[in-house]
Amino acid sequence: MALRVRKQIKNGLVMMAVGVLAGTGTFIALKYHDIKHEPSVKEVLEEAKEKAEEAIETPIDEMVTEVVTIRQETLEELFKPASELVTYKYYYTAAADMEKFKELFGYKIPGTTERTVFTYDGTVSAGIDLSKLSYDSIDNEKKTIVITLPAPEIFSHELDTGSFSYYDVTSSLFTAITPEELTDKLDELKLKETAKLYRDDDFFDSVSENAENVLRELLTMNSDTADFTVTFNTTAPDLPIEATPGTVVDGNIAMPSPASAYQSYTYSELAGILREMGFTNIADPEPVKDLYAGLLIKDGQVESFTINGMADFSAGQIFPADAPIVIRYHTFVEQTWTLPPVLQQGE
């Protein structure tokens, strides 16, 4: 068909040239578009295919975009590398003192006291455990995610031993603070600082807020979740028993001080303190009748006491609230006065 059209055009041009050369004055106008041509269905389809392929630079198969569905497993895999996410570090400097001395009848023996005052630096690292995240809602159509954060935790609490500075040091030839005693003292100081932080709402609010910012950034950086709107719910921090000395938690009590700190109390004073802590099983007192004058040791002063059979416990030691408590205290010797024989005869 195309060959026939070309032939007709050629013949027309030849005829035009012949007419002009012959001078007959006859001009035969032949235009291409005046030649009617009805294409077949096959030709139309082939032409449409050729034009489509020319217009589309990328093959159609490569232009299909995969629809990604966000599931809980998707988010867990995204957050997995972070694991325990530390979002807040608290730096502090504190001062403390430590004293040790020998006693006689409950009183310090002069010249046996070893004492020091020192300062130190500490670092507390806190954050959230990402394995405990709760995925409340994932809506792929609305592109929204709702996540509940677990309670913030303190992951570590370190004292910088290189930062220790000592002041007002008093030494004694008769008394020395042992490394074990120093370790116990430092553990007690960490416990008290940790307890203070667990009572500081602003501290844990900052931990949760920073965690939200980090997780939101991770979601934004990921192409599959970049256009999702995420909402976070928070959980109040748990108060671990070791961080709440003297407070009842789930029927347990953590001692705020070591056993040696209670020796200077009287029976009634100590019993009152223990009851205020929450202890409920204080046995009848066991008096130790060894006082004659009560000059060096006062009447009723604690001689020893045990909790659940333990007499030497450290600060932070945990006991059940109903643990049996036995308190022994000093009191006067019972004396029976009788008249001398001479006076008895004169009766």
Protein backbone atom coordinates (compact mmCIF):
# COMPACT_ATOMS: atom_id res chain seq x y z
CA MET A 1 0.00 0.00 0.00
CA ALA A 2 2.79 2.44 0.91
CA LEU A 3 4.56 1.50 -2.35
CA ARG A 4 1.46 2.37 -4.37
CA VAL A 5 1.19 5.80 -2.70
CA ARG A 6 4.81 6.57 -3.40
CA LYS A 7 4.29 5.53 -7.03
CA GLN A 8 1.25 7.79 -7.42
CA ILE A 9 3.15 10.75 -5.97
CA LYS A 10 6.01 10.07 -8.33
CA ASN A 11 3.68 9.86 -11.32
CA GLY A 12 1.97 13.10 -10.32
CA LEU A 13 5.26 14.97 -10.08
CA VAL A 14 6.27 13.65 -13.48
CA MET A 15 3.01 14.82 -14.99
CA MET A 16 3.49 18.29 -13.38
CA ALA A 17 6.95 18.61 -14.86
CA VAL A 18 5.76 17.52 -18.30
CA GLY A 19 2.93 20.06 -18.29
CA VAL A 20 5.21 22.98 -17.36
CA LEU A 21 7.84 22.06 -19.93
CA ALA A 22 5.23 21.72 -22.63
CA GLY A 23 3.98 25.27 -21.97
CA THR A 24 0.39 24.20 -22.12
CA GLY A 25 -0.33 26.41 -19.04
CA THR A 26 -1.99 23.55 -17.34
CA PHE A 27 -0.89 23.05 -13.71
CA ILE A 28 -1.76 19.79 -12.11
CA ALA A 29 -1.64 20.17 -8.31
CA LEU A 30 -1.22 16.96 -6.48
CA LYS A 31 -0.98 17.04 -2.67
CA TYR A 32 -0.08 14.13 -0.48
CA HIS A 33 -2.93 14.60 1.93
CA ASP A 34 -5.47 14.53 -0.83
CA ILE A 35 -4.68 10.88 -1.32
CA LYS A 36 -7.08 8.91 0.89
CA HIS A 37 -5.78 5.86 2.74
CA GLU A 38 -7.78 3.73 5.19
CA PRO A 39 -5.36 1.77 7.52
CA SER A 40 -6.24 -1.71 8.69
CA VAL A 41 -6.85 -2.63 12.36
CA LYS A 42 -3.54 -4.43 12.44
CA GLU A 43 -1.71 -1.36 11.25
CA VAL A 44 -3.39 0.83 13.89
CA LEU A 45 -2.39 -1.52 16.70
CA GLU A 46 1.17 -1.76 15.47
CA GLU A 47 1.43 2.03 15.20
CA ALA A 48 0.01 2.50 18.72
CA LYS A 49 2.49 0.01 20.12
CA GLU A 50 5.41 1.77 18.42
CA LYS A 51 4.32 5.19 19.74
CA ALA A 52 3.83 3.83 23.29
CA GLU A 53 7.28 2.28 23.31
CA GLU A 54 8.82 5.52 22.06
CA ALA A 55 7.01 7.62 24.69
CA ILE A 56 7.91 5.37 27.65
CA GLU A 57 11.63 5.41 28.28
CA THR A 58 11.37 2.86 31.14
CA PRO A 59 9.80 -0.56 30.50
CA ILE A 60 6.37 -0.92 32.08
CA ASP A 61 7.51 -3.81 34.32
CA GLU A 62 10.10 -1.56 35.90
CA MET A 63 7.58 1.23 36.55
CA VAL A 64 5.39 -0.89 38.86
CA THR A 65 5.91 0.25 42.49
CA GLU A 66 5.79 -2.44 45.18
CA VAL A 67 3.24 -1.68 47.95
CA VAL A 68 4.91 -2.24 51.34
CA THR A 69 2.69 -3.17 54.28
CA ILE A 70 4.07 -2.09 57.68
CA ARG A 71 3.64 -4.75 60.35
CA GLN A 72 4.88 -5.15 63.92
CA GLU A 73 7.70 -7.34 62.64
CA THR A 74 8.79 -4.49 60.34
CA LEU A 75 9.13 -2.07 63.26
CA GLU A 76 10.81 -4.64 65.50
CA GLU A 77 13.44 -5.24 62.83
CA LEU A 78 13.93 -1.49 62.42
CA PHE A 79 14.46 -0.90 66.16
CA LYS A 80 16.40 -4.11 66.80
CA PRO A 81 19.92 -2.64 66.45
CA ALA A 82 19.22 -0.13 69.25
CA SER A 83 18.29 -2.82 71.85
CA GLU A 84 18.70 -1.08 75.23
CA LEU A 85 18.37 2.51 74.14
CA VAL A 86 20.29 4.87 76.44
CA THR A 87 18.66 8.26 76.00
CA TYR A 88 19.85 10.18 79.06
CA LYS A 89 23.04 10.43 81.09
CA TYR A 90 23.07 12.14 84.46
CA TYR A 91 26.39 13.42 85.80
CA TYR A 92 26.77 14.51 89.41
CA THR A 93 29.32 15.36 92.08
CA ALA A 94 28.63 14.54 95.72
CA ALA A 95 30.35 14.55 99.10
CA ALA A 96 30.31 11.97 101.87
CA ASP A 97 32.12 11.07 105.05
CA MET A 98 33.19 7.79 106.57
CA GLU A 99 34.11 7.11 110.17
CA LYS A 100 35.27 4.11 112.12
CA PHE A 101 36.18 3.85 115.80
CA LYS A 102 36.46 1.44 118.69
CA GLU A 103 33.91 1.37 121.47
CA LEU A 104 33.77 0.49 125.10
CA PHE A 105 30.32 0.00 126.60
CA GLY A 106 28.82 1.81 123.62
CA TYR A 107 31.07 4.88 123.78
CA LYS A 108 33.96 5.96 121.55
CA ILE A 109 37.43 5.26 122.88
CA PRO A 110 39.55 8.40 122.43
CA GLY A 111 42.36 8.09 119.89
CA THR A 112 40.73 5.19 117.99
CA THR A 113 38.74 7.21 115.43
CA GLU A 114 39.61 7.10 111.73
CA ARG A 115 37.57 9.56 109.67
CA THR A 116 37.63 11.07 106.19
CA VAL A 117 35.48 13.42 104.13
CA PHE A 118 35.61 12.93 100.35
CA THR A 119 34.00 14.09 97.11
CA TYR A 120 33.41 11.99 94.03
CA ASP A 121 31.80 12.04 90.57
CA GLY A 122 29.12 9.66 89.37
CA THR A 123 27.35 8.86 86.10
CA VAL A 124 23.87 7.39 85.74
CA SER A 125 22.78 6.00 82.34
CA ALA A 126 19.03 5.63 81.77
CA GLY A 127 16.81 4.68 78.85
CA ILE A 128 14.23 2.16 77.67
CA ASP A 129 14.35 -1.49 76.68
CA LEU A 130 13.11 -1.57 73.07
CA SER A 131 12.20 -5.25 73.32
CA LYS A 132 9.38 -4.15 75.66
CA LEU A 133 7.74 -1.74 73.19
CA SER A 134 4.00 -2.25 72.77
CA TYR A 135 2.67 -1.70 69.23
CA ASP A 136 -0.90 -0.65 69.93
CA SER A 137 -1.95 0.28 66.38
CA ILE A 138 -0.53 0.17 62.84
CA ASP A 139 -2.88 1.59 60.18
CA ASN A 140 -1.39 1.34 56.68
CA GLU A 141 -4.30 3.15 55.03
CA LYS A 142 -4.24 6.17 57.34
CA LYS A 143 -0.47 5.82 57.75
CA THR A 144 -0.51 6.05 61.53
CA ILE A 145 1.40 4.17 64.22
CA VAL A 146 0.69 4.14 67.98
CA ILE A 147 3.44 2.83 70.29
CA THR A 148 3.51 2.56 74.09
CA LEU A 149 6.96 2.98 75.58
CA PRO A 150 7.96 0.74 78.49
CA ALA A 151 8.85 2.27 81.83
CA PRO A 152 12.24 4.01 81.70
CA GLU A 153 15.04 2.24 83.54
CA ILE A 154 18.43 2.99 85.01
CA PHE A 155 20.85 0.76 83.11
CA SER A 156 24.05 1.63 84.97
CA HIS A 157 25.37 3.74 87.82
CA GLU A 158 29.12 4.18 87.96
CA LEU A 159 31.38 6.07 90.35
CA ASP A 160 34.59 7.50 88.93
CA THR A 161 37.22 6.32 91.40
CA GLY A 162 39.77 8.62 89.77
CA SER A 163 37.69 11.64 90.77
CA PHE A 164 37.88 11.02 94.53
CA SER A 165 39.31 13.89 96.58
CA TYR A 166 39.87 13.48 100.32
CA TYR A 167 39.58 16.16 102.99
CA ASP A 168 39.73 16.31 106.78
CA VAL A 169 41.45 12.95 107.12
CA THR A 170 41.89 11.66 110.67
CA SER A 171 44.01 8.54 111.07
CA SER A 172 44.41 6.18 113.97
CA LEU A 173 47.02 3.55 114.78
CA PHE A 174 44.33 1.41 116.36
CA THR A 175 41.65 1.55 113.67
CA ALA A 176 41.69 1.23 109.88
CA ILE A 177 38.89 1.36 107.30
CA THR A 178 39.10 -1.80 105.21
CA PRO A 179 38.56 -1.98 101.41
CA GLU A 180 35.43 -4.04 102.03
CA GLU A 181 34.01 -1.33 104.30
CA LEU A 182 34.77 1.31 101.68
CA THR A 183 33.02 -0.78 99.01
CA ASP A 184 29.95 -1.12 101.22
CA LYS A 185 29.96 2.62 101.79
CA LEU A 186 30.11 3.36 98.06
CA ASP A 187 27.27 0.92 97.39
CA GLU A 188 25.21 2.72 100.02
CA LEU A 189 25.95 6.10 98.39
CA LYS A 190 24.92 4.81 94.95
CA LEU A 191 21.73 3.41 96.44
CA LYS A 192 20.78 6.75 97.97
CA GLU A 193 21.51 8.67 94.75
CA THR A 194 19.48 6.17 92.72
CA ALA A 195 16.59 6.47 95.17
CA LYS A 196 16.70 10.25 94.75
CA LEU A 197 16.47 9.96 90.96
CA TYR A 198 13.49 7.60 91.14
CA ARG A 199 11.68 10.32 93.05
CA ASP A 200 12.55 12.96 90.43
CA ASP A 201 9.71 13.08 87.87
CA ASP A 202 11.63 15.46 85.59
CA PHE A 203 14.50 12.97 85.26
CA PHE A 204 12.39 10.14 83.86
CA ASP A 205 10.23 12.52 81.81
CA SER A 206 13.44 13.54 80.02
CA VAL A 207 14.39 9.89 79.50
CA SER A 208 11.04 9.10 77.84
CA GLU A 209 10.99 12.31 75.79
CA ASN A 210 14.46 11.64 74.39
CA ALA A 211 13.45 8.07 73.57
CA GLU A 212 10.45 9.35 71.58
CA ASN A 213 12.68 11.71 69.59
CA VAL A 214 15.15 8.94 68.74
CA LEU A 215 12.46 6.48 67.63
CA ARG A 216 10.64 9.12 65.61
CA GLU A 217 13.90 9.93 63.82
CA LEU A 218 14.49 6.26 63.04
CA LEU A 219 11.02 6.01 61.50
CA THR A 220 11.55 9.18 59.45
CA MET A 221 14.88 7.97 58.08
CA ASN A 222 13.32 4.72 56.84
CA SER A 223 11.69 5.14 53.40
CA ASP A 224 8.88 2.69 54.21
CA THR A 225 7.75 4.59 57.32
CA ALA A 226 8.88 8.14 56.50
CA ASP A 227 5.33 9.37 55.73
CA PHE A 228 3.72 7.71 58.77
CA THR A 229 2.49 9.75 61.74
CA VAL A 230 3.59 8.15 65.02
CA THR A 231 2.05 8.70 68.47
CA PHE A 232 3.78 7.60 71.67
CA ASN A 233 2.23 6.67 75.01
CA THR A 234 4.47 6.55 78.08
CA THR A 235 4.62 4.34 81.17
CA ALA A 236 5.53 5.58 84.65
CA PRO A 237 8.83 4.18 85.97
CA ASP A 238 8.76 1.23 88.33
CA LEU A 239 10.28 1.82 91.73
CA PRO A 240 12.68 -1.08 92.35
CA ILE A 241 12.82 -2.17 95.96
CA GLU A 242 16.58 -1.51 96.15
CA ALA A 243 15.97 2.12 95.17
CA THR A 244 13.39 2.77 97.89
CA PRO A 245 15.05 2.13 101.26
CA GLY A 246 12.59 1.81 104.10
CA THR A 247 9.61 1.54 101.74
CA VAL A 248 7.32 -1.45 101.43
CA VAL A 249 7.09 -2.76 97.86
CA ASP A 250 5.18 -5.98 97.19
CA GLY A 251 5.54 -7.00 100.84
CA ASN A 252 9.31 -6.39 100.98
CA ILE A 253 11.40 -3.73 102.71
CA ALA A 254 14.91 -2.50 101.88
CA MET A 255 16.95 -1.39 104.86
CA PRO A 256 18.12 2.22 104.54
CA SER A 257 21.21 1.68 106.71
CA PRO A 258 23.48 -1.18 107.80
CA ALA A 259 22.91 -3.02 111.07
CA SER A 260 25.67 -1.10 112.89
CA ALA A 261 23.76 2.17 112.44
CA TYR A 262 21.04 1.06 114.88
CA GLN A 263 23.17 0.19 117.89
CA SER A 264 22.86 3.62 119.53
CA TYR A 265 19.05 3.53 119.73
CA THR A 266 16.99 2.40 122.68
CA TYR A 267 14.60 -0.49 122.32
CA SER A 268 11.53 1.75 122.10
CA GLU A 269 13.21 4.03 119.53
CA LEU A 270 14.31 1.14 117.29
CA ALA A 271 10.98 -0.65 117.54
CA GLY A 272 9.22 2.55 116.48
CA ILE A 273 11.56 3.03 113.49
CA LEU A 274 11.03 -0.54 112.31
CA ARG A 275 7.26 -0.24 112.59
CA GLU A 276 7.32 2.97 110.56
CA MET A 277 9.26 1.11 107.85
CA GLY A 278 6.45 -1.41 107.67
CA PHE A 279 7.76 -4.37 109.66
CA THR A 280 4.93 -6.22 111.38
CA ASN A 281 6.53 -9.06 113.31
CA ILE A 282 8.58 -7.56 116.15
CA ALA A 283 8.97 -10.14 118.93
CA ASP A 284 8.78 -9.39 122.63
CA PRO A 285 12.00 -7.66 123.76
CA GLU A 286 14.84 -9.67 125.28
CA PRO A 287 16.44 -7.64 128.08
CA VAL A 288 20.10 -8.14 128.92
CA LYS A 289 20.43 -7.37 132.65
CA ASP A 290 24.01 -6.18 132.87
CA LEU A 291 23.80 -2.56 134.10
CA TYR A 292 24.62 -1.45 137.61
CA ALA A 293 24.94 2.32 137.32
CA GLY A 294 23.94 3.14 133.73
CA LEU A 295 26.73 5.66 133.30
CA LEU A 296 28.42 4.37 130.14
CA ILE A 297 25.43 2.57 128.67
CA LYS A 298 21.94 3.91 129.13
CA ASP A 299 19.05 1.83 130.25
CA GLY A 300 17.20 0.33 127.29
CA GLN A 301 20.06 0.82 124.78
CA VAL A 302 20.08 -1.79 122.02
CA GLU A 303 22.63 -4.55 122.55
CA SER A 304 21.87 -6.35 119.29
CA PHE A 305 18.97 -7.21 117.01
CA THR A 306 18.25 -9.58 114.14
CA ILE A 307 15.90 -9.51 111.18
CA ASN A 308 14.97 -12.93 109.85
CA GLY A 309 17.89 -14.31 111.88
CA MET A 310 20.43 -11.96 110.25
CA ALA A 311 22.42 -9.67 112.57
CA ASP A 312 24.96 -8.19 110.13
CA PHE A 313 23.15 -6.78 107.12
CA SER A 314 24.11 -3.96 104.75
CA ALA A 315 22.17 -0.96 103.45
CA GLY A 316 19.70 -2.04 100.79
CA GLN A 317 19.33 -5.55 102.22
CA ILE A 318 15.80 -6.76 101.43
CA PHE A 319 13.54 -8.42 104.00
CA PRO A 320 9.88 -9.47 103.96
CA ALA A 321 7.67 -7.11 105.91
CA ASP A 322 6.63 -10.00 108.17
CA ALA A 323 10.20 -11.16 108.86
CA PRO A 324 10.68 -11.99 112.57
CA ILE A 325 12.64 -9.32 114.45
CA VAL A 326 14.32 -9.90 117.80
CA ILE A 327 15.72 -6.97 119.77
CA ARG A 328 18.04 -7.36 122.77
CA TYR A 329 18.70 -4.36 124.98
CA HIS A 330 20.65 -3.45 128.12
CA THR A 331 18.89 -2.94 131.43
CA PHE A 332 19.72 -2.89 135.11
CA VAL A 333 20.63 -5.94 137.13
CA GLU A 334 17.90 -6.92 139.55
CA GLN A 335 19.15 -6.44 143.09
CA THR A 336 17.52 -7.66 146.26
CA TRP A 337 18.34 -5.47 149.25
CA THR A 338 18.33 -7.01 152.72
CA LEU A 339 19.14 -5.49 156.11
CA PRO A 340 22.45 -6.36 157.70
CA PRO A 341 22.23 -9.12 160.33
CA VAL A 342 22.79 -6.62 163.19
CA LEU A 343 19.86 -4.57 162.12
CA GLN A 344 17.79 -7.62 161.50
CA GLN A 345 18.36 -8.67 165.14
CA GLY A 346 17.19 -5.30 166.39
CA GLU A 347 13.88 -5.67 164.69
